[in-house]
């Protein structure tokens, strides 16, 4: 059973303010969990080929499909980012199995559609999604920072807000630059992603 340390007053206020500005109900990293319910999910294109990123239209369409798939699976999405060859999401799930099943179906549908568009029937598009349970509130905030920083990490942009396929612009608009900097400094990403998101 996971036991969560109580969020600081500042962290509670920041998360509440962020979710209210997005017109979403209040969800904090839970302190009532019986087993993992917060996860960092990620999936990459086979051999890290930039299949998603073949066009901005494909990137935009997949962003919408990914978010609607997660919502239909009963997921609360706290942060997300889509890059040309992979994606990351930070989610609260009622049950992980139906979510990974829904993502598998999304991968199957998009593989079929994109292989048709690219005249490459039989091409392998996706690797299976990977999941990491969020251990505590510090891990939650470091993961949120990591996901929003991912386009910078991979050299796509210099600033979070410049990447359109991410929740970072909404997050920055919701909490403000000063609070985002405080969270960045309080919960640094350090070597997060080393060896598996290079």
Foldseek 3Di string as FASTA:
>chain_A
DAAEDDDDPLVQVLQCLLQVLVVHDDDDCDRPDDDFFKKKKKKWWVVNDLLCVPDVVSLVVVLVVLVVLCVVQVKDWPKKFDDSTMIITIIGHPDVVVSQVSVVVVLVVVVVVSCVVVVNPPDGTIDRMDIDGQRYVLSVLLVRVCRLCVCCVVPNDVDSCVGPSICVVSSCVRNPPVSNVVSCVVRPNVCPCPPNND
